[in-house]
Amino acid sequence: MVAIGRGLMADPRLLLLDEPSLGLAPLVVREIFGIIQELRREGRTILLVEQNALGALTISDRAYVIENGQVTVSGPAVELMQDEKVRRAFLGQDVAAGASIHQEYS
């Protein structure tokens, strides 16, 4: 949270966040993602690099999946959450579990 605050001190138009949830407890991760959502609502542009695919897709407008240095899938985050291959490979959920996907970080 200190790093995010420090980054906001200059009032940037674009905020780059690299793995803000890395090594944090689940409750803190939810808080961090909530802060990111609030920054978006304020009109800030955020470039988020995150291995927590479910969390990132839940709070993002658009997403890119990078494998071996190549963009392999891109599009609106909502569409990627519905993509069967993305869900199986990155979300660890079978396709039938889609109804609860938004509840974790909302």
PDB file of N, CA and C in Angstrom:
ATOM      1  N   MET A   1       0.825  -1.187   0.000  1.00  0.00           N
ATOM      2  CA  MET A   1       0.000   0.000   0.000  1.00  0.00           C
ATOM      3  C   MET A   1       0.870   1.252   0.000  1.00  0.00           C
ATOM      4  N   VAL A   2       1.999   1.166   0.676  1.00  0.00           N
ATOM      5  CA  VAL A   2       2.930   2.300   0.689  1.00  0.00           C
ATOM      6  C   VAL A   2       3.452   2.549  -0.723  1.00  0.00           C
ATOM      7  N   ALA A   3       3.783   1.486  -1.443  1.00  0.00           N
ATOM      8  CA  ALA A   3       4.297   1.637  -2.813  1.00  0.00           C
ATOM      9  C   ALA A   3       3.246   2.267  -3.726  1.00  0.00           C
ATOM     10  N   ILE A   4       2.007   1.864  -3.577  1.00  0.00           N
ATOM     11  CA  ILE A   4       0.935   2.460  -4.390  1.00  0.00           C
ATOM     12  C   ILE A   4       0.783   3.934  -4.031  1.00  0.00           C
ATOM     13  N   GLY A   5       0.780   4.233  -2.750  1.00  0.00           N
ATOM     14  CA  GLY A   5       0.677   5.627  -2.307  1.00  0.00           C
ATOM     15  C   GLY A   5       1.811   6.480  -2.823  1.00  0.00           C
ATOM     16  N   ARG A   6       3.022   5.938  -2.752  1.00  0.00           N
ATOM     17  CA  ARG A   6       4.194   6.669  -3.252  1.00  0.00           C
ATOM     18  C   ARG A   6       4.060   6.924  -4.747  1.00  0.00           C
ATOM     19  N   GLY A   7       3.568   5.919  -5.473  1.00  0.00           N
ATOM     20  CA  GLY A   7       3.383   6.094  -6.918  1.00  0.00           C
ATOM     21  C   GLY A   7       2.337   7.135  -7.260  1.00  0.00           C
ATOM     22  N   LEU A   8       1.362   7.316  -6.391  1.00  0.00           N
ATOM     23  CA  LEU A   8       0.290   8.282  -6.640  1.00  0.00           C
ATOM     24  C   LEU A   8       0.669   9.708  -6.272  1.00  0.00           C
ATOM     25  N   MET A   9       1.765   9.886  -5.540  1.00  0.00           N
ATOM     26  CA  MET A   9       2.161  11.229  -5.092  1.00  0.00           C
ATOM     27  C   MET A   9       2.401  12.181  -6.260  1.00  0.00           C
ATOM     28  N   ALA A  10       2.850  11.674  -7.370  1.00  0.00           N
ATOM     29  CA  ALA A  10       3.123  12.525  -8.533  1.00  0.00           C
ATOM     30  C   ALA A  10       1.885  12.721  -9.405  1.00  0.00           C
ATOM     31  N   ASP A  11       0.736  12.183  -8.966  1.00  0.00           N
ATOM     32  CA  ASP A  11      -0.524  12.283  -9.705  1.00  0.00           C
ATOM     33  C   ASP A  11      -0.362  11.832 -11.169  1.00  0.00           C
ATOM     34  N   PRO A  12       0.116  10.593 -11.375  1.00  0.00           N
ATOM     35  CA  PRO A  12       0.362  10.125 -12.749  1.00  0.00           C
ATOM     36  C   PRO A  12      -0.935   9.829 -13.501  1.00  0.00           C
ATOM     37  N   ARG A  13      -0.875   9.937 -14.820  1.00  0.00           N
ATOM     38  CA  ARG A  13      -2.008   9.548 -15.651  1.00  0.00           C
ATOM     39  C   ARG A  13      -2.060   8.038 -15.806  1.00  0.00           C
ATOM     40  N   LEU A  14      -0.892   7.387 -15.743  1.00  0.00           N
ATOM     41  CA  LEU A  14      -0.785   5.933 -15.874  1.00  0.00           C
ATOM     42  C   LEU A  14      -0.028   5.408 -14.665  1.00  0.00           C
ATOM     43  N   LEU A  15      -0.594   4.401 -14.023  1.00  0.00           N
ATOM     44  CA  LEU A  15       0.047   3.772 -12.882  1.00  0.00           C
ATOM     45  C   LEU A  15       0.354   2.327 -13.259  1.00  0.00           C
ATOM     46  N   LEU A  16       1.621   1.946 -13.193  1.00  0.00           N
ATOM     47  CA  LEU A  16       2.053   0.585 -13.504  1.00  0.00           C
ATOM     48  C   LEU A  16       2.239  -0.165 -12.192  1.00  0.00           C
ATOM     49  N   LEU A  17       1.513  -1.264 -12.034  1.00  0.00           N
ATOM     50  CA  LEU A  17       1.607  -2.089 -10.832  1.00  0.00           C
ATOM     51  C   LEU A  17       2.090  -3.473 -11.222  1.00  0.00           C
ATOM     52  N   ASP A  18       3.216  -3.869 -10.662  1.00  0.00           N
ATOM     53  CA  ASP A  18       3.818  -5.165 -10.969  1.00  0.00           C
ATOM     54  C   ASP A  18       3.645  -6.093  -9.772  1.00  0.00           C
ATOM     55  N   GLU A  19       2.751  -7.064  -9.910  1.00  0.00           N
ATOM     56  CA  GLU A  19       2.490  -8.074  -8.868  1.00  0.00           C
ATOM     57  C   GLU A  19       2.171  -7.456  -7.504  1.00  0.00           C
ATOM     58  N   PRO A  20       1.172  -6.579  -7.419  1.00  0.00           N
ATOM     59  CA  PRO A  20       0.882  -5.961  -6.128  1.00  0.00           C
ATOM     60  C   PRO A  20       0.376  -6.948  -5.069  1.00  0.00           C
ATOM     61  N   SER A  21      -0.061  -8.139  -5.475  1.00  0.00           N
ATOM     62  CA  SER A  21      -0.575  -9.106  -4.500  1.00  0.00           C
ATOM     63  C   SER A  21       0.468 -10.142  -4.073  1.00  0.00           C
ATOM     64  N   LEU A  22       1.649 -10.063  -4.631  1.00  0.00           N
ATOM     65  CA  LEU A  22       2.680 -11.072  -4.383  1.00  0.00           C
ATOM     66  C   LEU A  22       3.007 -11.202  -2.897  1.00  0.00           C
ATOM     67  N   GLY A  23       2.842 -12.408  -2.369  1.00  0.00           N
ATOM     68  CA  GLY A  23       3.230 -12.703  -1.003  1.00  0.00           C
ATOM     69  C   GLY A  23       2.309 -12.163   0.073  1.00  0.00           C
ATOM     70  N   LEU A  24       1.151 -11.652  -0.304  1.00  0.00           N
ATOM     71  CA  LEU A  24       0.242 -11.067   0.676  1.00  0.00           C
ATOM     72  C   LEU A  24      -0.838 -12.058   1.098  1.00  0.00           C
ATOM     73  N   ALA A  25      -1.333 -11.881   2.299  1.00  0.00           N
ATOM     74  CA  ALA A  25      -2.442 -12.694   2.798  1.00  0.00           C
ATOM     75  C   ALA A  25      -3.699 -12.394   1.985  1.00  0.00           C
ATOM     76  N   PRO A  26      -4.591 -13.371   1.840  1.00  0.00           N
ATOM     77  CA  PRO A  26      -5.807 -13.171   1.036  1.00  0.00           C
ATOM     78  C   PRO A  26      -6.627 -11.941   1.430  1.00  0.00           C
ATOM     79  N   LEU A  27      -6.739 -11.644   2.707  1.00  0.00           N
ATOM     80  CA  LEU A  27      -7.493 -10.447   3.113  1.00  0.00           C
ATOM     81  C   LEU A  27      -6.829  -9.166   2.626  1.00  0.00           C
ATOM     82  N   VAL A  28      -5.518  -9.134   2.649  1.00  0.00           N
ATOM     83  CA  VAL A  28      -4.780  -7.957   2.180  1.00  0.00           C
ATOM     84  C   VAL A  28      -4.883  -7.855   0.662  1.00  0.00           C
ATOM     85  N   VAL A  29      -4.858  -8.995  -0.013  1.00  0.00           N
ATOM     86  CA  VAL A  29      -5.013  -8.996  -1.477  1.00  0.00           C
ATOM     87  C   VAL A  29      -6.354  -8.380  -1.855  1.00  0.00           C
ATOM     88  N   ARG A  30      -7.423  -8.769  -1.157  1.00  0.00           N
ATOM     89  CA  ARG A  30      -8.744  -8.189  -1.445  1.00  0.00           C
ATOM     90  C   ARG A  30      -8.733  -6.679  -1.219  1.00  0.00           C
ATOM     91  N   GLU A  31      -8.038  -6.240  -0.188  1.00  0.00           N
ATOM     92  CA  GLU A  31      -7.951  -4.807   0.086  1.00  0.00           C
ATOM     93  C   GLU A  31      -7.183  -4.079  -1.018  1.00  0.00           C
ATOM     94  N   ILE A  32      -6.068  -4.646  -1.438  1.00  0.00           N
ATOM     95  CA  ILE A  32      -5.270  -4.046  -2.519  1.00  0.00           C
ATOM     96  C   ILE A  32      -6.091  -3.960  -3.805  1.00  0.00           C
ATOM     97  N   PHE A  33      -6.774  -5.060  -4.144  1.00  0.00           N
ATOM     98  CA  PHE A  33      -7.591  -5.050  -5.364  1.00  0.00           C
ATOM     99  C   PHE A  33      -8.742  -4.056  -5.238  1.00  0.00           C
ATOM    100  N   GLY A  34      -9.277  -3.890  -4.041  1.00  0.00           N
ATOM    101  CA  GLY A  34     -10.313  -2.881  -3.823  1.00  0.00           C
ATOM    102  C   GLY A  34      -9.783  -1.479  -4.063  1.00  0.00           C
ATOM    103  N   ILE A  35      -8.562  -1.228  -3.614  1.00  0.00           N
ATOM    104  CA  ILE A  35      -7.923   0.074  -3.846  1.00  0.00           C
ATOM    105  C   ILE A  35      -7.717   0.302  -5.341  1.00  0.00           C
ATOM    106  N   ILE A  36      -7.286  -0.737  -6.043  1.00  0.00           N
ATOM    107  CA  ILE A  36      -7.088  -0.619  -7.493  1.00  0.00           C
ATOM    108  C   ILE A  36      -8.415  -0.306  -8.177  1.00  0.00           C
ATOM    109  N   GLN A  37      -9.488  -0.971  -7.765  1.00  0.00           N
ATOM    110  CA  GLN A  37     -10.808  -0.681  -8.336  1.00  0.00           C
ATOM    111  C   GLN A  37     -11.218   0.768  -8.070  1.00  0.00           C
ATOM    112  N   GLU A  38     -10.956   1.262  -6.876  1.00  0.00           N
ATOM    113  CA  GLU A  38     -11.296   2.647  -6.549  1.00  0.00           C
ATOM    114  C   GLU A  38     -10.509   3.625  -7.422  1.00  0.00           C
ATOM    115  N   LEU A  39      -9.233   3.341  -7.641  1.00  0.00           N
ATOM    116  CA  LEU A  39      -8.420   4.188  -8.520  1.00  0.00           C
ATOM    117  C   LEU A  39      -8.985   4.204  -9.935  1.00  0.00           C
ATOM    118  N   ARG A  40      -9.461   3.064 -10.404  1.00  0.00           N
ATOM    119  CA  ARG A  40     -10.092   2.995 -11.737  1.00  0.00           C
ATOM    120  C   ARG A  40     -11.345   3.853 -11.779  1.00  0.00           C
ATOM    121  N   ARG A  41     -12.161   3.756 -10.720  1.00  0.00           N
ATOM    122  CA  ARG A  41     -13.396   4.549 -10.671  1.00  0.00           C
ATOM    123  C   ARG A  41     -13.089   6.045 -10.687  1.00  0.00           C
ATOM    124  N   GLU A  42     -11.926   6.419 -10.159  1.00  0.00           N
ATOM    125  CA  GLU A  42     -11.511   7.828 -10.174  1.00  0.00           C
ATOM    126  C   GLU A  42     -11.008   8.259 -11.544  1.00  0.00           C
ATOM    127  N   GLY A  43     -10.928   7.324 -12.473  1.00  0.00           N
ATOM    128  CA  GLY A  43     -10.515   7.655 -13.835  1.00  0.00           C
ATOM    129  C   GLY A  43      -9.046   7.435 -14.131  1.00  0.00           C
ATOM    130  N   ARG A  44      -8.337   6.789 -13.247  1.00  0.00           N
ATOM    131  CA  ARG A  44      -6.919   6.517 -13.485  1.00  0.00           C
ATOM    132  C   ARG A  44      -6.765   5.319 -14.410  1.00  0.00           C
ATOM    133  N   THR A  45      -5.745   5.382 -15.238  1.00  0.00           N
ATOM    134  CA  THR A  45      -5.383   4.254 -16.082  1.00  0.00           C
ATOM    135  C   THR A  45      -4.350   3.428 -15.336  1.00  0.00           C
ATOM    136  N   ILE A  46      -4.588   2.123 -15.260  1.00  0.00           N
ATOM    137  CA  ILE A  46      -3.692   1.250 -14.520  1.00  0.00           C
ATOM    138  C   ILE A  46      -3.275   0.094 -15.409  1.00  0.00           C
ATOM    139  N   LEU A  47      -1.971  -0.126 -15.481  1.00  0.00           N
ATOM    140  CA  LEU A  47      -1.423  -1.292 -16.158  1.00  0.00           C
ATOM    141  C   LEU A  47      -1.005  -2.248 -15.054  1.00  0.00           C
ATOM    142  N   LEU A  48      -1.706  -3.359 -14.965  1.00  0.00           N
ATOM    143  CA  LEU A  48      -1.513  -4.313 -13.883  1.00  0.00           C
ATOM    144  C   LEU A  48      -0.874  -5.583 -14.426  1.00  0.00           C
ATOM    145  N   VAL A  49       0.275  -5.944 -13.889  1.00  0.00           N
ATOM    146  CA  VAL A  49       0.931  -7.211 -14.202  1.00  0.00           C
ATOM    147  C   VAL A  49       0.695  -8.087 -12.981  1.00  0.00           C
ATOM    148  N   GLU A  50       0.023  -9.219 -13.176  1.00  0.00           N
ATOM    149  CA  GLU A  50      -0.411  -9.996 -12.021  1.00  0.00           C
ATOM    150  C   GLU A  50      -0.557 -11.471 -12.383  1.00  0.00           C
ATOM    151  N   GLN A  51      -0.006 -12.337 -11.527  1.00  0.00           N
ATOM    152  CA  GLN A  51      -0.175 -13.771 -11.739  1.00  0.00           C
ATOM    153  C   GLN A  51      -1.475 -14.282 -11.145  1.00  0.00           C
ATOM    154  N   ASN A  52      -2.092 -13.528 -10.271  1.00  0.00           N
ATOM    155  CA  ASN A  52      -3.390 -13.889  -9.723  1.00  0.00           C
ATOM    156  C   ASN A  52      -4.421 -13.593 -10.811  1.00  0.00           C
ATOM    157  N   ALA A  53      -4.601 -14.563 -11.705  1.00  0.00           N
ATOM    158  CA  ALA A  53      -5.428 -14.346 -12.894  1.00  0.00           C
ATOM    159  C   ALA A  53      -6.868 -14.007 -12.547  1.00  0.00           C
ATOM    160  N   LEU A  54      -7.456 -14.710 -11.605  1.00  0.00           N
ATOM    161  CA  LEU A  54      -8.849 -14.433 -11.243  1.00  0.00           C
ATOM    162  C   LEU A  54      -9.001 -13.016 -10.705  1.00  0.00           C
ATOM    163  N   GLY A  55      -8.128 -12.634  -9.790  1.00  0.00           N
ATOM    164  CA  GLY A  55      -8.192 -11.285  -9.241  1.00  0.00           C
ATOM    165  C   GLY A  55      -7.992 -10.225 -10.306  1.00  0.00           C
ATOM    166  N   ALA A  56      -7.005 -10.427 -11.162  1.00  0.00           N
ATOM    167  CA  ALA A  56      -6.711  -9.446 -12.210  1.00  0.00           C
ATOM    168  C   ALA A  56      -7.865  -9.318 -13.203  1.00  0.00           C
ATOM    169  N   LEU A  57      -8.412 -10.445 -13.634  1.00  0.00           N
ATOM    170  CA  LEU A  57      -9.521 -10.388 -14.593  1.00  0.00           C
ATOM    171  C   LEU A  57     -10.766  -9.773 -13.974  1.00  0.00           C
ATOM    172  N   THR A  58     -10.976 -10.010 -12.706  1.00  0.00           N
ATOM    173  CA  THR A  58     -12.162  -9.492 -12.031  1.00  0.00           C
ATOM    174  C   THR A  58     -12.153  -7.971 -11.938  1.00  0.00           C
ATOM    175  N   ILE A  59     -10.984  -7.359 -11.813  1.00  0.00           N
ATOM    176  CA  ILE A  59     -10.924  -5.899 -11.648  1.00  0.00           C
ATOM    177  C   ILE A  59     -10.498  -5.162 -12.911  1.00  0.00           C
ATOM    178  N   SER A  60     -10.293  -5.890 -14.007  1.00  0.00           N
ATOM    179  CA  SER A  60      -9.768  -5.277 -15.231  1.00  0.00           C
ATOM    180  C   SER A  60     -10.843  -5.062 -16.286  1.00  0.00           C
ATOM    181  N   ASP A  61     -10.571  -4.094 -17.163  1.00  0.00           N
ATOM    182  CA  ASP A  61     -11.415  -3.888 -18.337  1.00  0.00           C
ATOM    183  C   ASP A  61     -10.946  -4.786 -19.479  1.00  0.00           C
ATOM    184  N   ARG A  62      -9.646  -4.861 -19.631  1.00  0.00           N
ATOM    185  CA  ARG A  62      -9.039  -5.585 -20.755  1.00  0.00           C
ATOM    186  C   ARG A  62      -7.875  -6.391 -20.208  1.00  0.00           C
ATOM    187  N   ALA A  63      -7.594  -7.541 -20.858  1.00  0.00           N
ATOM    188  CA  ALA A  63      -6.511  -8.392 -20.361  1.00  0.00           C
ATOM    189  C   ALA A  63      -5.722  -8.993 -21.513  1.00  0.00           C
ATOM    190  N   TYR A  64      -4.494  -9.312 -21.197  1.00  0.00           N
ATOM    191  CA  TYR A  64      -3.593  -9.973 -22.135  1.00  0.00           C
ATOM    192  C   TYR A  64      -2.949 -11.143 -21.402  1.00  0.00           C
ATOM    193  N   VAL A  65      -2.961 -12.305 -22.012  1.00  0.00           N
ATOM    194  CA  VAL A  65      -2.276 -13.466 -21.450  1.00  0.00           C
ATOM    195  C   VAL A  65      -0.964 -13.602 -22.195  1.00  0.00           C
ATOM    196  N   ILE A  66       0.129 -13.609 -21.448  1.00  0.00           N
ATOM    197  CA  ILE A  66       1.456 -13.717 -22.045  1.00  0.00           C
ATOM    198  C   ILE A  66       2.054 -15.056 -21.651  1.00  0.00           C
ATOM    199  N   GLU A  67       2.441 -15.831 -22.644  1.00  0.00           N
ATOM    200  CA  GLU A  67       3.096 -17.113 -22.421  1.00  0.00           C
ATOM    201  C   GLU A  67       4.392 -17.127 -23.214  1.00  0.00           C
ATOM    202  N   ASN A  68       5.479 -17.435 -22.540  1.00  0.00           N
ATOM    203  CA  ASN A  68       6.791 -17.488 -23.174  1.00  0.00           C
ATOM    204  C   ASN A  68       7.104 -16.216 -23.952  1.00  0.00           C
ATOM    205  N   GLY A  69       6.730 -15.075 -23.383  1.00  0.00           N
ATOM    206  CA  GLY A  69       7.041 -13.793 -23.994  1.00  0.00           C
ATOM    207  C   GLY A  69       6.128 -13.379 -25.136  1.00  0.00           C
ATOM    208  N   GLN A  70       5.100 -14.148 -25.409  1.00  0.00           N
ATOM    209  CA  GLN A  70       4.186 -13.853 -26.508  1.00  0.00           C
ATOM    210  C   GLN A  70       2.768 -13.653 -25.989  1.00  0.00           C
ATOM    211  N   VAL A  71       2.046 -12.668 -26.529  1.00  0.00           N
ATOM    212  CA  VAL A  71       0.638 -12.505 -26.194  1.00  0.00           C
ATOM    213  C   VAL A  71      -0.119 -13.612 -26.914  1.00  0.00           C
ATOM    214  N   THR A  72      -0.758 -14.489 -26.130  1.00  0.00           N
ATOM    215  CA  THR A  72      -1.472 -15.620 -26.725  1.00  0.00           C
ATOM    216  C   THR A  72      -2.978 -15.422 -26.742  1.00  0.00           C
ATOM    217  N   VAL A  73      -3.482 -14.605 -25.840  1.00  0.00           N
ATOM    218  CA  VAL A  73      -4.913 -14.311 -25.776  1.00  0.00           C
ATOM    219  C   VAL A  73      -5.061 -12.871 -25.317  1.00  0.00           C
ATOM    220  N   SER A  74      -5.999 -12.153 -25.901  1.00  0.00           N
ATOM    221  CA  SER A  74      -6.278 -10.799 -25.435  1.00  0.00           C
ATOM    222  C   SER A  74      -7.742 -10.483 -25.704  1.00  0.00           C
ATOM    223  N   GLY A  75      -8.238  -9.519 -24.957  1.00  0.00           N
ATOM    224  CA  GLY A  75      -9.620  -9.100 -25.152  1.00  0.00           C
ATOM    225  C   GLY A  75     -10.196  -8.538 -23.875  1.00  0.00           C
ATOM    226  N   PRO A  76     -11.478  -8.212 -23.910  1.00  0.00           N
ATOM    227  CA  PRO A  76     -12.133  -7.736 -22.691  1.00  0.00           C
ATOM    228  C   PRO A  76     -12.020  -8.801 -21.592  1.00  0.00           C
ATOM    229  N   ALA A  77     -11.751  -8.363 -20.371  1.00  0.00           N
ATOM    230  CA  ALA A  77     -11.555  -9.298 -19.263  1.00  0.00           C
ATOM    231  C   ALA A  77     -12.758 -10.210 -19.072  1.00  0.00           C
ATOM    232  N   VAL A  78     -13.953  -9.680 -19.245  1.00  0.00           N
ATOM    233  CA  VAL A  78     -15.166 -10.491 -19.086  1.00  0.00           C
ATOM    234  C   VAL A  78     -15.166 -11.643 -20.086  1.00  0.00           C
ATOM    235  N   GLU A  79     -14.738 -11.380 -21.309  1.00  0.00           N
ATOM    236  CA  GLU A  79     -14.689 -12.441 -22.322  1.00  0.00           C
ATOM    237  C   GLU A  79     -13.624 -13.484 -21.987  1.00  0.00           C
ATOM    238  N   LEU A  80     -12.482 -13.047 -21.484  1.00  0.00           N
ATOM    239  CA  LEU A  80     -11.438 -13.998 -21.122  1.00  0.00           C
ATOM    240  C   LEU A  80     -11.874 -14.890 -19.974  1.00  0.00           C
ATOM    241  N   MET A  81     -12.652 -14.349 -19.037  1.00  0.00           N
ATOM    242  CA  MET A  81     -13.151 -15.173 -17.936  1.00  0.00           C
ATOM    243  C   MET A  81     -14.119 -16.239 -18.429  1.00  0.00           C
ATOM    244  N   GLN A  82     -14.753 -15.998 -19.556  1.00  0.00           N
ATOM    245  CA  GLN A  82     -15.703 -16.966 -20.109  1.00  0.00           C
ATOM    246  C   GLN A  82     -15.030 -17.944 -21.070  1.00  0.00           C
ATOM    247  N   ASP A  83     -13.800 -17.649 -21.480  1.00  0.00           N
ATOM    248  CA  ASP A  83     -13.076 -18.499 -22.424  1.00  0.00           C
ATOM    249  C   ASP A  83     -12.670 -19.808 -21.741  1.00  0.00           C
ATOM    250  N   GLU A  84     -13.114 -20.913 -22.293  1.00  0.00           N
ATOM    251  CA  GLU A  84     -12.876 -22.226 -21.692  1.00  0.00           C
ATOM    252  C   GLU A  84     -11.390 -22.521 -21.500  1.00  0.00           C
ATOM    253  N   LYS A  85     -10.569 -22.215 -22.490  1.00  0.00           N
ATOM    254  CA  LYS A  85      -9.129 -22.490 -22.389  1.00  0.00           C
ATOM    255  C   LYS A  85      -8.482 -21.646 -21.294  1.00  0.00           C
ATOM    256  N   VAL A  86      -8.841 -20.373 -21.220  1.00  0.00           N
ATOM    257  CA  VAL A  86      -8.286 -19.484 -20.194  1.00  0.00           C
ATOM    258  C   VAL A  86      -8.709 -19.970 -18.820  1.00  0.00           C
ATOM    259  N   ARG A  87      -9.964 -20.326 -18.675  1.00  0.00           N
ATOM    260  CA  ARG A  87     -10.465 -20.778 -17.369  1.00  0.00           C
ATOM    261  C   ARG A  87      -9.767 -22.044 -16.907  1.00  0.00           C
ATOM    262  N   ARG A  88      -9.574 -22.971 -17.804  1.00  0.00           N
ATOM    263  CA  ARG A  88      -8.912 -24.224 -17.417  1.00  0.00           C
ATOM    264  C   ARG A  88      -7.422 -24.018 -17.129  1.00  0.00           C
ATOM    265  N   ALA A  89      -6.759 -23.215 -17.939  1.00  0.00           N
ATOM    266  CA  ALA A  89      -5.310 -23.054 -17.810  1.00  0.00           C
ATOM    267  C   ALA A  89      -4.903 -22.083 -16.702  1.00  0.00           C
ATOM    268  N   PHE A  90      -5.680 -21.016 -16.508  1.00  0.00           N
ATOM    269  CA  PHE A  90      -5.219 -19.949 -15.619  1.00  0.00           C
ATOM    270  C   PHE A  90      -6.097 -19.696 -14.404  1.00  0.00           C
ATOM    271  N   LEU A  91      -7.341 -20.130 -14.452  1.00  0.00           N
ATOM    272  CA  LEU A  91      -8.235 -19.862 -13.338  1.00  0.00           C
ATOM    273  C   LEU A  91      -8.457 -21.085 -12.460  1.00  0.00           C
ATOM    274  N   GLY A  92      -8.013 -22.245 -12.948  1.00  0.00           N
ATOM    275  CA  GLY A  92      -8.127 -23.453 -12.151  1.00  0.00           C
ATOM    276  C   GLY A  92      -9.553 -23.850 -11.869  1.00  0.00           C
ATOM    277  N   GLN A  93     -10.453 -23.522 -12.766  1.00  0.00           N
ATOM    278  CA  GLN A  93     -11.859 -23.845 -12.579  1.00  0.00           C
ATOM    279  C   GLN A  93     -12.375 -24.581 -13.794  1.00  0.00           C
ATOM    280  N   ASP A  94     -13.255 -25.537 -13.543  1.00  0.00           N
ATOM    281  CA  ASP A  94     -13.864 -26.156 -14.708  1.00  0.00           C
ATOM    282  C   ASP A  94     -14.933 -25.218 -15.246  1.00  0.00           C
ATOM    283  N   VAL A  95     -15.337 -25.442 -16.456  1.00  0.00           N
ATOM    284  CA  VAL A  95     -16.210 -24.525 -17.166  1.00  0.00           C
ATOM    285  C   VAL A  95     -17.560 -24.354 -16.481  1.00  0.00           C
ATOM    286  N   ALA A  96     -18.048 -25.347 -15.783  1.00  0.00           N
ATOM    287  CA  ALA A  96     -19.362 -25.267 -15.142  1.00  0.00           C
ATOM    288  C   ALA A  96     -19.378 -24.354 -13.918  1.00  0.00           C
ATOM    289  N   ALA A  97     -18.232 -23.932 -13.413  1.00  0.00           N
ATOM    290  CA  ALA A  97     -18.183 -23.148 -12.175  1.00  0.00           C
ATOM    291  C   ALA A  97     -18.279 -21.653 -12.394  1.00  0.00           C
ATOM    292  N   GLY A  98     -18.621 -21.198 -13.568  1.00  0.00           N
ATOM    293  CA  GLY A  98     -18.573 -19.790 -13.925  1.00  0.00           C
ATOM    294  C   GLY A  98     -19.427 -18.845 -13.126  1.00  0.00           C
ATOM    295  N   ALA A  99     -20.514 -19.303 -12.535  1.00  0.00           N
ATOM    296  CA  ALA A  99     -21.441 -18.399 -11.862  1.00  0.00           C
ATOM    297  C   ALA A  99     -20.803 -17.647 -10.701  1.00  0.00           C
ATOM    298  N   SER A 100     -19.853 -18.250 -10.010  1.00  0.00           N
ATOM    299  CA  SER A 100     -19.296 -17.611  -8.817  1.00  0.00           C
ATOM    300  C   SER A 100     -17.985 -16.884  -9.075  1.00  0.00           C
ATOM    301  N   ILE A 101     -17.569 -16.760 -10.293  1.00  0.00           N
ATOM    302  CA  ILE A 101     -16.253 -16.215 -10.617  1.00  0.00           C
ATOM    303  C   ILE A 101     -16.102 -14.754 -10.174  1.00  0.00           C
ATOM    304  N   HIS A 102     -17.171 -13.955 -10.210  1.00  0.00           N
ATOM    305  CA  HIS A 102     -17.069 -12.543  -9.862  1.00  0.00           C
ATOM    306  C   HIS A 102     -17.143 -12.296  -8.363  1.00  0.00           C
ATOM    307  N   GLN A 103     -17.582 -13.245  -7.598  1.00  0.00           N
ATOM    308  CA  GLN A 103     -17.847 -13.008  -6.194  1.00  0.00           C
ATOM    309  C   GLN A 103     -16.592 -12.854  -5.346  1.00  0.00           C
ATOM    310  N   GLU A 104     -15.474 -13.427  -5.709  1.00  0.00           N
ATOM    311  CA  GLU A 104     -14.301 -13.430  -4.838  1.00  0.00           C
ATOM    312  C   GLU A 104     -13.732 -12.045  -4.583  1.00  0.00           C
ATOM    313  N   TYR A 105     -13.673 -11.170  -5.599  1.00  0.00           N
ATOM    314  CA  TYR A 105     -13.041  -9.863  -5.428  1.00  0.00           C
ATOM    315  C   TYR A 105     -14.009  -8.706  -5.581  1.00  0.00           C
ATOM    316  N   SER A 106     -15.283  -8.976  -5.642  1.00  0.00           N
ATOM    317  CA  SER A 106     -16.267  -7.894  -5.803  1.00  0.00           C
ATOM    318  C   SER A 106     -16.548  -7.207  -4.487  1.00  0.00           C
TER     319      SER A 106
END
